[in-house]
All heavy atoms as atom14 arrays in JSON, in Angstrom:
{
  "sequence": "SAAIKHHLYRFWQTCIREPVTLVGTSMGGAVAIDFATTYPDAVRK",
  "atom14_mask": [
    [1, 1, 1, 1, 1, 1, 0, 0, 0, 0, 0, 0, 0, 0],
    [1, 1, 1, 1, 1, 0, 0, 0, 0, 0, 0, 0, 0, 0],
    [1, 1, 1, 1, 1, 0, 0, 0, 0, 0, 0, 0, 0, 0],
    [1, 1, 1, 1, 1, 1, 1, 1, 0, 0, 0, 0, 0, 0],
    [1, 1, 1, 1, 1, 1, 1, 1, 1, 0, 0, 0, 0, 0],
    [1, 1, 1, 1, 1, 1, 1, 1, 1, 1, 0, 0, 0, 0],
    [1, 1, 1, 1, 1, 1, 1, 1, 1, 1, 0, 0, 0, 0],
    [1, 1, 1, 1, 1, 1, 1, 1, 0, 0, 0, 0, 0, 0],
    [1, 1, 1, 1, 1, 1, 1, 1, 1, 1, 1, 1, 0, 0],
    [1, 1, 1, 1, 1, 1, 1, 1, 1, 1, 1, 0, 0, 0],
    [1, 1, 1, 1, 1, 1, 1, 1, 1, 1, 1, 0, 0, 0],
    [1, 1, 1, 1, 1, 1, 1, 1, 1, 1, 1, 1, 1, 1],
    [1, 1, 1, 1, 1, 1, 1, 1, 1, 0, 0, 0, 0, 0],
    [1, 1, 1, 1, 1, 1, 1, 0, 0, 0, 0, 0, 0, 0],
    [1, 1, 1, 1, 1, 1, 0, 0, 0, 0, 0, 0, 0, 0],
    [1, 1, 1, 1, 1, 1, 1, 1, 0, 0, 0, 0, 0, 0],
    [1, 1, 1, 1, 1, 1, 1, 1, 1, 1, 1, 0, 0, 0],
    [1, 1, 1, 1, 1, 1, 1, 1, 1, 0, 0, 0, 0, 0],
    [1, 1, 1, 1, 1, 1, 1, 0, 0, 0, 0, 0, 0, 0],
    [1, 1, 1, 1, 1, 1, 1, 0, 0, 0, 0, 0, 0, 0],
    [1, 1, 1, 1, 1, 1, 1, 0, 0, 0, 0, 0, 0, 0],
    [1, 1, 1, 1, 1, 1, 1, 1, 0, 0, 0, 0, 0, 0],
    [1, 1, 1, 1, 1, 1, 1, 0, 0, 0, 0, 0, 0, 0],
    [1, 1, 1, 1, 0, 0, 0, 0, 0, 0, 0, 0, 0, 0],
    [1, 1, 1, 1, 1, 1, 1, 0, 0, 0, 0, 0, 0, 0],
    [1, 1, 1, 1, 1, 1, 0, 0, 0, 0, 0, 0, 0, 0],
    [1, 1, 1, 1, 1, 1, 1, 1, 0, 0, 0, 0, 0, 0],
    [1, 1, 1, 1, 0, 0, 0, 0, 0, 0, 0, 0, 0, 0],
    [1, 1, 1, 1, 0, 0, 0, 0, 0, 0, 0, 0, 0, 0],
    [1, 1, 1, 1, 1, 0, 0, 0, 0, 0, 0, 0, 0, 0],
    [1, 1, 1, 1, 1, 1, 1, 0, 0, 0, 0, 0, 0, 0],
    [1, 1, 1, 1, 1, 0, 0, 0, 0, 0, 0, 0, 0, 0],
    [1, 1, 1, 1, 1, 1, 1, 1, 0, 0, 0, 0, 0, 0],
    [1, 1, 1, 1, 1, 1, 1, 1, 0, 0, 0, 0, 0, 0],
    [1, 1, 1, 1, 1, 1, 1, 1, 1, 1, 1, 0, 0, 0],
    [1, 1, 1, 1, 1, 0, 0, 0, 0, 0, 0, 0, 0, 0],
    [1, 1, 1, 1, 1, 1, 1, 0, 0, 0, 0, 0, 0, 0],
    [1, 1, 1, 1, 1, 1, 1, 0, 0, 0, 0, 0, 0, 0],
    [1, 1, 1, 1, 1, 1, 1, 1, 1, 1, 1, 1, 0, 0],
    [1, 1, 1, 1, 1, 1, 1, 0, 0, 0, 0, 0, 0, 0],
    [1, 1, 1, 1, 1, 1, 1, 1, 0, 0, 0, 0, 0, 0],
    [1, 1, 1, 1, 1, 0, 0, 0, 0, 0, 0, 0, 0, 0],
    [1, 1, 1, 1, 1, 1, 1, 0, 0, 0, 0, 0, 0, 0],
    [1, 1, 1, 1, 1, 1, 1, 1, 1, 1, 1, 0, 0, 0],
    [1, 1, 1, 1, 1, 1, 1, 1, 1, 0, 0, 0, 0, 0]
  ],
  "atom14_positions": [
    [[36.46, 20.08, -58.12], [36.35, 20.33, -56.68], [35.86, 19.08, -55.95], [36.29, 18.8, -54.82], [35.41, 21.5, -56.42], [34.12, 21.26, -56.96], [0.0, 0.0, 0.0], [0.0, 0.0, 0.0], [0.0, 0.0, 0.0], [0.0, 0.0, 0.0], [0.0, 0.0, 0.0], [0.0, 0.0, 0.0], [0.0, 0.0, 0.0], [0.0, 0.0, 0.0]],
    [[34.97, 18.3, -56.58], [34.48, 17.07, -55.95], [35.6, 16.05, -55.8], [35.7, 15.36, -54.78], [33.34, 16.47, -56.78], [0.0, 0.0, 0.0], [0.0, 0.0, 0.0], [0.0, 0.0, 0.0], [0.0, 0.0, 0.0], [0.0, 0.0, 0.0], [0.0, 0.0, 0.0], [0.0, 0.0, 0.0], [0.0, 0.0, 0.0], [0.0, 0.0, 0.0]],
    [[36.47, 15.95, -56.81], [37.59, 15.01, -56.74], [38.59, 15.44, -55.66], [39.12, 14.6, -54.91], [38.28, 14.93, -58.1], [0.0, 0.0, 0.0], [0.0, 0.0, 0.0], [0.0, 0.0, 0.0], [0.0, 0.0, 0.0], [0.0, 0.0, 0.0], [0.0, 0.0, 0.0], [0.0, 0.0, 0.0], [0.0, 0.0, 0.0], [0.0, 0.0, 0.0]],
    [[38.84, 16.74, -55.58], [39.75, 17.26, -54.55], [39.21, 16.93, -53.16], [39.95, 16.5, -52.26], [39.95, 18.77, -54.72], [40.76, 19.05, -55.99], [40.62, 19.39, -53.49], [40.82, 20.52, -56.37], [0.0, 0.0, 0.0], [0.0, 0.0, 0.0], [0.0, 0.0, 0.0], [0.0, 0.0, 0.0], [0.0, 0.0, 0.0], [0.0, 0.0, 0.0]],
    [[37.91, 17.12, -52.96], [37.3, 16.86, -51.66], [37.36, 15.38, -51.3], [37.69, 15.03, -50.16], [35.85, 17.35, -51.67], [35.1, 17.08, -50.37], [33.78, 17.83, -50.33], [32.86, 17.48, -51.47], [31.55, 18.17, -51.36], [0.0, 0.0, 0.0], [0.0, 0.0, 0.0], [0.0, 0.0, 0.0], [0.0, 0.0, 0.0], [0.0, 0.0, 0.0]],
    [[37.07, 14.52, -52.26], [37.13, 13.07, -51.98], [38.55, 12.65, -51.64], [38.78, 11.9, -50.67], [36.62, 12.29, -53.18], [36.85, 10.81, -53.06], [36.19, 10.02, -52.15], [37.71, 9.98, -53.72], [36.61, 8.76, -52.25], [37.53, 8.72, -53.19], [0.0, 0.0, 0.0], [0.0, 0.0, 0.0], [0.0, 0.0, 0.0], [0.0, 0.0, 0.0]],
    [[39.51, 13.1, -52.41], [40.91, 12.75, -52.15], [41.35, 13.24, -50.77], [42.03, 12.53, -50.03], [41.79, 13.36, -53.24], [43.26, 13.25, -52.98], [44.0, 14.32, -52.49], [44.13, 12.22, -53.1], [45.25, 13.94, -52.34], [45.36, 12.69, -52.7], [0.0, 0.0, 0.0], [0.0, 0.0, 0.0], [0.0, 0.0, 0.0], [0.0, 0.0, 0.0]],
    [[40.95, 14.46, -50.42], [41.3, 15.01, -49.11], [40.67, 14.18, -47.99], [41.32, 13.91, -46.96], [40.85, 16.46, -49.01], [41.12, 17.17, -47.68], [42.62, 17.2, -47.37], [40.55, 18.6, -47.71], [0.0, 0.0, 0.0], [0.0, 0.0, 0.0], [0.0, 0.0, 0.0], [0.0, 0.0, 0.0], [0.0, 0.0, 0.0], [0.0, 0.0, 0.0]],
    [[39.43, 13.75, -48.18], [38.77, 12.93, -47.16], [39.47, 11.59, -46.98], [39.69, 11.13, -45.85], [37.31, 12.7, -47.53], [36.54, 11.91, -46.49], [36.36, 12.4, -45.19], [36.01, 10.66, -46.81], [35.67, 11.67, -44.24], [35.31, 9.92, -45.86], [35.14, 10.44, -44.57], [34.46, 9.71, -43.62], [0.0, 0.0, 0.0], [0.0, 0.0, 0.0]],
    [[39.88, 10.99, -48.1], [40.58, 9.72, -48.01], [41.96, 9.9, -47.37], [42.43, 9.03, -46.64], [40.71, 9.08, -49.41], [39.39, 8.61, -49.98], [38.8, 7.45, -49.19], [39.7, 6.28, -49.3], [40.21, 5.63, -48.27], [39.89, 5.98, -47.01], [41.01, 4.59, -48.45], [0.0, 0.0, 0.0], [0.0, 0.0, 0.0], [0.0, 0.0, 0.0]],
    [[42.6, 11.05, -47.63], [43.86, 11.35, -46.95], [43.63, 11.44, -45.44], [44.39, 10.88, -44.65], [44.45, 12.66, -47.48], [45.65, 13.15, -46.7], [46.91, 12.61, -46.96], [45.51, 14.1, -45.71], [48.01, 13.03, -46.22], [46.62, 14.53, -44.98], [47.87, 13.99, -45.24], [0.0, 0.0, 0.0], [0.0, 0.0, 0.0], [0.0, 0.0, 0.0]],
    [[42.58, 12.17, -45.05], [42.26, 12.31, -43.63], [41.97, 10.94, -43.01], [42.46, 10.62, -41.92], [41.07, 13.25, -43.46], [40.6, 13.35, -42.04], [41.1, 14.14, -41.05], [39.53, 12.6, -41.45], [40.42, 13.93, -39.88], [39.44, 12.99, -40.1], [38.64, 11.65, -41.94], [38.5, 12.46, -39.22], [37.69, 11.11, -41.08], [37.63, 11.52, -39.73]],
    [[41.18, 10.13, -43.71], [40.84, 8.8, -43.19], [42.08, 7.92, -43.04], [42.18, 7.15, -42.08], [39.87, 8.1, -44.15], [38.42, 8.52, -44.02], [37.54, 7.65, -44.88], [37.85, 7.38, -46.04], [36.43, 7.21, -44.32], [0.0, 0.0, 0.0], [0.0, 0.0, 0.0], [0.0, 0.0, 0.0], [0.0, 0.0, 0.0], [0.0, 0.0, 0.0]],
    [[43.01, 8.05, -43.96], [44.18, 7.17, -43.99], [45.25, 7.61, -43.0], [45.86, 6.77, -42.31], [44.78, 7.14, -45.4], [43.78, 6.73, -46.35], [45.98, 6.19, -45.48], [0.0, 0.0, 0.0], [0.0, 0.0, 0.0], [0.0, 0.0, 0.0], [0.0, 0.0, 0.0], [0.0, 0.0, 0.0], [0.0, 0.0, 0.0], [0.0, 0.0, 0.0]],
    [[45.48, 8.92, -42.89], [46.65, 9.41, -42.16], [46.34, 10.03, -40.8], [47.19, 9.99, -39.9], [47.38, 10.45, -43.02], [48.0, 9.8, -44.58], [0.0, 0.0, 0.0], [0.0, 0.0, 0.0], [0.0, 0.0, 0.0], [0.0, 0.0, 0.0], [0.0, 0.0, 0.0], [0.0, 0.0, 0.0], [0.0, 0.0, 0.0], [0.0, 0.0, 0.0]],
    [[45.17, 10.63, -40.63], [44.9, 11.39, -39.41], [43.84, 10.72, -38.54], [44.06, 10.49, -37.35], [44.5, 12.84, -39.76], [45.59, 13.49, -40.63], [44.28, 13.65, -38.48], [45.27, 14.89, -41.1], [0.0, 0.0, 0.0], [0.0, 0.0, 0.0], [0.0, 0.0, 0.0], [0.0, 0.0, 0.0], [0.0, 0.0, 0.0], [0.0, 0.0, 0.0]],
    [[42.67, 10.49, -39.1], [41.63, 9.67, -38.45], [41.08, 10.26, -37.15], [40.59, 9.54, -36.3], [42.13, 8.24, -38.19], [42.52, 7.48, -39.44], [42.94, 6.05, -39.11], [44.13, 6.03, -38.28], [45.37, 6.11, -38.74], [45.59, 6.22, -40.03], [46.41, 6.08, -37.92], [0.0, 0.0, 0.0], [0.0, 0.0, 0.0], [0.0, 0.0, 0.0]],
    [[41.18, 11.55, -36.98], [40.54, 12.22, -35.84], [40.23, 13.65, -36.23], [40.87, 14.21, -37.15], [41.43, 12.18, -34.61], [42.79, 12.84, -34.77], [43.64, 12.72, -33.52], [43.16, 13.13, -32.44], [44.78, 12.24, -33.63], [0.0, 0.0, 0.0], [0.0, 0.0, 0.0], [0.0, 0.0, 0.0], [0.0, 0.0, 0.0], [0.0, 0.0, 0.0]],
    [[39.26, 14.29, -35.57], [38.87, 15.65, -35.97], [40.05, 16.63, -35.89], [40.85, 16.58, -34.95], [37.78, 16.01, -34.97], [37.22, 14.69, -34.54], [38.39, 13.75, -34.52], [0.0, 0.0, 0.0], [0.0, 0.0, 0.0], [0.0, 0.0, 0.0], [0.0, 0.0, 0.0], [0.0, 0.0, 0.0], [0.0, 0.0, 0.0], [0.0, 0.0, 0.0]],
    [[40.13, 17.51, -36.87], [41.26, 18.43, -36.98], [40.79, 19.88, -36.89], [39.61, 20.19, -37.09], [42.0, 18.25, -38.33], [42.56, 16.85, -38.47], [41.08, 18.59, -39.51], [0.0, 0.0, 0.0], [0.0, 0.0, 0.0], [0.0, 0.0, 0.0], [0.0, 0.0, 0.0], [0.0, 0.0, 0.0], [0.0, 0.0, 0.0], [0.0, 0.0, 0.0]],
    [[41.73, 20.76, -36.59], [41.54, 22.18, -36.87], [42.0, 22.36, -38.31], [43.18, 22.21, -38.62], [42.37, 23.06, -35.93], [41.87, 22.91, -34.59], [42.27, 24.53, -36.33], [0.0, 0.0, 0.0], [0.0, 0.0, 0.0], [0.0, 0.0, 0.0], [0.0, 0.0, 0.0], [0.0, 0.0, 0.0], [0.0, 0.0, 0.0], [0.0, 0.0, 0.0]],
    [[41.06, 22.63, -39.19], [41.32, 22.7, -40.63], [41.59, 24.16, -41.01], [40.76, 25.03, -40.78], [40.12, 22.16, -41.4], [40.29, 21.99, -42.91], [41.39, 20.98, -43.23], [38.96, 21.53, -43.54], [0.0, 0.0, 0.0], [0.0, 0.0, 0.0], [0.0, 0.0, 0.0], [0.0, 0.0, 0.0], [0.0, 0.0, 0.0], [0.0, 0.0, 0.0]],
    [[42.77, 24.39, -41.6], [43.21, 25.74, -41.95], [43.36, 25.83, -43.46], [44.16, 25.09, -44.05], [44.56, 26.06, -41.27], [45.0, 27.49, -41.62], [44.48, 25.88, -39.76], [0.0, 0.0, 0.0], [0.0, 0.0, 0.0], [0.0, 0.0, 0.0], [0.0, 0.0, 0.0], [0.0, 0.0, 0.0], [0.0, 0.0, 0.0], [0.0, 0.0, 0.0]],
    [[42.6, 26.74, -44.08], [42.69, 26.91, -45.53], [43.05, 28.33, -45.9], [42.51, 29.28, -45.34], [0.0, 0.0, 0.0], [0.0, 0.0, 0.0], [0.0, 0.0, 0.0], [0.0, 0.0, 0.0], [0.0, 0.0, 0.0], [0.0, 0.0, 0.0], [0.0, 0.0, 0.0], [0.0, 0.0, 0.0], [0.0, 0.0, 0.0], [0.0, 0.0, 0.0]],
    [[43.99, 28.46, -46.83], [44.42, 29.78, -47.3], [43.96, 29.98, -48.73], [44.1, 29.09, -49.58], [45.95, 29.92, -47.25], [46.55, 29.02, -48.19], [46.48, 29.6, -45.86], [0.0, 0.0, 0.0], [0.0, 0.0, 0.0], [0.0, 0.0, 0.0], [0.0, 0.0, 0.0], [0.0, 0.0, 0.0], [0.0, 0.0, 0.0], [0.0, 0.0, 0.0]],
    [[43.38, 31.16, -49.01], [42.95, 31.51, -50.37], [42.04, 30.4, -50.92], [41.02, 30.08, -50.33], [44.16, 31.76, -51.26], [43.78, 32.39, -52.46], [0.0, 0.0, 0.0], [0.0, 0.0, 0.0], [0.0, 0.0, 0.0], [0.0, 0.0, 0.0], [0.0, 0.0, 0.0], [0.0, 0.0, 0.0], [0.0, 0.0, 0.0], [0.0, 0.0, 0.0]],
    [[42.39, 29.76, -52.06], [41.55, 28.68, -52.58], [41.45, 27.54, -51.58], [40.44, 26.83, -51.53], [42.1, 28.16, -53.91], [41.18, 27.16, -54.59], [41.99, 26.12, -55.84], [42.77, 24.87, -54.79], [0.0, 0.0, 0.0], [0.0, 0.0, 0.0], [0.0, 0.0, 0.0], [0.0, 0.0, 0.0], [0.0, 0.0, 0.0], [0.0, 0.0, 0.0]],
    [[42.51, 27.33, -50.77], [42.44, 26.31, -49.74], [41.33, 26.57, -48.74], [40.79, 25.63, -48.13], [0.0, 0.0, 0.0], [0.0, 0.0, 0.0], [0.0, 0.0, 0.0], [0.0, 0.0, 0.0], [0.0, 0.0, 0.0], [0.0, 0.0, 0.0], [0.0, 0.0, 0.0], [0.0, 0.0, 0.0], [0.0, 0.0, 0.0], [0.0, 0.0, 0.0]],
    [[40.96, 27.84, -48.57], [39.81, 28.17, -47.73], [38.52, 27.67, -48.32], [37.64, 27.16, -47.61], [0.0, 0.0, 0.0], [0.0, 0.0, 0.0], [0.0, 0.0, 0.0], [0.0, 0.0, 0.0], [0.0, 0.0, 0.0], [0.0, 0.0, 0.0], [0.0, 0.0, 0.0], [0.0, 0.0, 0.0], [0.0, 0.0, 0.0], [0.0, 0.0, 0.0]],
    [[38.39, 27.8, -49.65], [37.21, 27.27, -50.32], [37.15, 25.75, -50.19], [36.08, 25.18, -49.95], [37.22, 27.67, -51.8], [0.0, 0.0, 0.0], [0.0, 0.0, 0.0], [0.0, 0.0, 0.0], [0.0, 0.0, 0.0], [0.0, 0.0, 0.0], [0.0, 0.0, 0.0], [0.0, 0.0, 0.0], [0.0, 0.0, 0.0], [0.0, 0.0, 0.0]],
    [[38.3, 25.09, -50.33], [38.36, 23.64, -50.14], [37.93, 23.3, -48.71], [37.16, 22.35, -48.49], [39.78, 23.12, -50.4], [39.84, 21.61, -50.14], [40.22, 23.42, -51.83], [0.0, 0.0, 0.0], [0.0, 0.0, 0.0], [0.0, 0.0, 0.0], [0.0, 0.0, 0.0], [0.0, 0.0, 0.0], [0.0, 0.0, 0.0], [0.0, 0.0, 0.0]],
    [[38.41, 24.07, -47.74], [38.08, 23.81, -46.34], [36.59, 23.97, -46.06], [36.0, 23.18, -45.33], [38.9, 24.74, -45.44], [0.0, 0.0, 0.0], [0.0, 0.0, 0.0], [0.0, 0.0, 0.0], [0.0, 0.0, 0.0], [0.0, 0.0, 0.0], [0.0, 0.0, 0.0], [0.0, 0.0, 0.0], [0.0, 0.0, 0.0], [0.0, 0.0, 0.0]],
    [[35.98, 25.0, -46.64], [34.53, 25.2, -46.47], [33.76, 24.02, -47.06], [32.85, 23.47, -46.43], [34.1, 26.52, -47.13], [34.7, 27.72, -46.39], [32.58, 26.63, -47.19], [34.56, 29.03, -47.14], [0.0, 0.0, 0.0], [0.0, 0.0, 0.0], [0.0, 0.0, 0.0], [0.0, 0.0, 0.0], [0.0, 0.0, 0.0], [0.0, 0.0, 0.0]],
    [[34.12, 23.64, -48.28], [33.46, 22.52, -48.95], [33.62, 21.23, -48.14], [32.67, 20.46, -47.95], [34.08, 22.36, -50.34], [33.27, 21.44, -51.24], [32.07, 21.25, -51.0], [33.86, 20.92, -52.21], [0.0, 0.0, 0.0], [0.0, 0.0, 0.0], [0.0, 0.0, 0.0], [0.0, 0.0, 0.0], [0.0, 0.0, 0.0], [0.0, 0.0, 0.0]],
    [[34.82, 21.01, -47.62], [35.11, 19.8, -46.85], [34.35, 19.81, -45.52], [33.75, 18.81, -45.13], [36.62, 19.71, -46.59], [37.07, 18.45, -45.92], [37.34, 17.32, -46.68], [37.22, 18.38, -44.55], [37.77, 16.13, -46.06], [37.64, 17.21, -43.93], [37.91, 16.08, -44.69], [0.0, 0.0, 0.0], [0.0, 0.0, 0.0], [0.0, 0.0, 0.0]],
    [[34.37, 20.94, -44.83], [33.75, 21.03, -43.5], [32.24, 20.85, -43.56], [31.64, 20.3, -42.63], [34.1, 22.35, -42.84], [0.0, 0.0, 0.0], [0.0, 0.0, 0.0], [0.0, 0.0, 0.0], [0.0, 0.0, 0.0], [0.0, 0.0, 0.0], [0.0, 0.0, 0.0], [0.0, 0.0, 0.0], [0.0, 0.0, 0.0], [0.0, 0.0, 0.0]],
    [[31.62, 21.34, -44.63], [30.16, 21.2, -44.74], [29.76, 19.79, -45.16], [28.65, 19.34, -44.85], [29.59, 22.21, -45.75], [30.29, 22.1, -47.0], [29.75, 23.63, -45.23], [0.0, 0.0, 0.0], [0.0, 0.0, 0.0], [0.0, 0.0, 0.0], [0.0, 0.0, 0.0], [0.0, 0.0, 0.0], [0.0, 0.0, 0.0], [0.0, 0.0, 0.0]],
    [[30.66, 19.07, -45.84], [30.37, 17.7, -46.27], [30.73, 16.68, -45.19], [30.02, 15.69, -44.98], [31.13, 17.36, -47.56], [30.83, 18.33, -48.56], [30.75, 15.97, -48.08], [0.0, 0.0, 0.0], [0.0, 0.0, 0.0], [0.0, 0.0, 0.0], [0.0, 0.0, 0.0], [0.0, 0.0, 0.0], [0.0, 0.0, 0.0], [0.0, 0.0, 0.0]],
    [[31.84, 16.92, -44.5], [32.34, 15.99, -43.48], [32.53, 16.72, -42.14], [33.65, 16.86, -41.65], [33.68, 15.39, -43.94], [33.63, 14.72, -45.28], [34.29, 15.27, -46.38], [32.93, 13.52, -45.47], [34.26, 14.66, -47.62], [32.88, 12.91, -46.71], [33.55, 13.48, -47.79], [33.51, 12.87, -49.02], [0.0, 0.0, 0.0], [0.0, 0.0, 0.0]],
    [[31.45, 17.18, -41.54], [31.58, 17.96, -40.3], [32.23, 17.18, -39.15], [32.86, 17.77, -38.28], [30.14, 18.35, -39.96], [29.29, 17.36, -40.7], [30.04, 17.02, -41.94], [0.0, 0.0, 0.0], [0.0, 0.0, 0.0], [0.0, 0.0, 0.0], [0.0, 0.0, 0.0], [0.0, 0.0, 0.0], [0.0, 0.0, 0.0], [0.0, 0.0, 0.0]],
    [[32.1, 15.84, -39.16], [32.69, 15.05, -38.08], [34.22, 15.01, -38.16], [34.87, 14.65, -37.17], [32.15, 13.62, -38.12], [30.68, 13.54, -37.73], [30.18, 14.52, -37.14], [30.04, 12.52, -38.04], [0.0, 0.0, 0.0], [0.0, 0.0, 0.0], [0.0, 0.0, 0.0], [0.0, 0.0, 0.0], [0.0, 0.0, 0.0], [0.0, 0.0, 0.0]],
    [[34.77, 15.39, -39.31], [36.23, 15.37, -39.47], [36.86, 16.7, -39.07], [38.08, 16.78, -38.97], [36.59, 15.06, -40.93], [0.0, 0.0, 0.0], [0.0, 0.0, 0.0], [0.0, 0.0, 0.0], [0.0, 0.0, 0.0], [0.0, 0.0, 0.0], [0.0, 0.0, 0.0], [0.0, 0.0, 0.0], [0.0, 0.0, 0.0], [0.0, 0.0, 0.0]],
    [[36.03, 17.72, -38.85], [36.55, 19.07, -38.59], [36.08, 19.54, -37.23], [34.88, 19.75, -37.0], [36.09, 20.05, -39.69], [36.66, 21.45, -39.42], [36.51, 19.56, -41.07], [0.0, 0.0, 0.0], [0.0, 0.0, 0.0], [0.0, 0.0, 0.0], [0.0, 0.0, 0.0], [0.0, 0.0, 0.0], [0.0, 0.0, 0.0], [0.0, 0.0, 0.0]],
    [[37.04, 19.72, -36.34], [36.71, 20.2, -34.99], [36.56, 21.71, -34.97], [35.64, 22.25, -34.37], [37.81, 19.76, -34.0], [37.44, 19.92, -32.54], [38.54, 19.38, -31.65], [39.74, 20.21, -31.75], [39.95, 21.29, -30.99], [39.06, 21.67, -30.11], [41.06, 22.0, -31.13], [0.0, 0.0, 0.0], [0.0, 0.0, 0.0], [0.0, 0.0, 0.0]],
    [[37.5, 22.41, -35.64], [37.45, 23.85, -35.78], [37.93, 24.22, -37.18], [38.65, 23.45, -37.82], [38.32, 24.55, -34.72], [37.82, 24.37, -33.29], [38.66, 25.16, -32.3], [38.12, 24.99, -30.88], [38.88, 25.79, -29.89], [0.0, 0.0, 0.0], [0.0, 0.0, 0.0], [0.0, 0.0, 0.0], [0.0, 0.0, 0.0], [0.0, 0.0, 0.0]]
  ]
}
């Protein structure tokens, strides 16, 4: 889960670079929760 979160953050930094509305389905919801609590500045909603 830590590797998934780091990779997702680097994807966000590389491709998007602004706060997003982060949508997670099923396990993707767990990823979204983990990501939003670690990188709150990357998640607008």
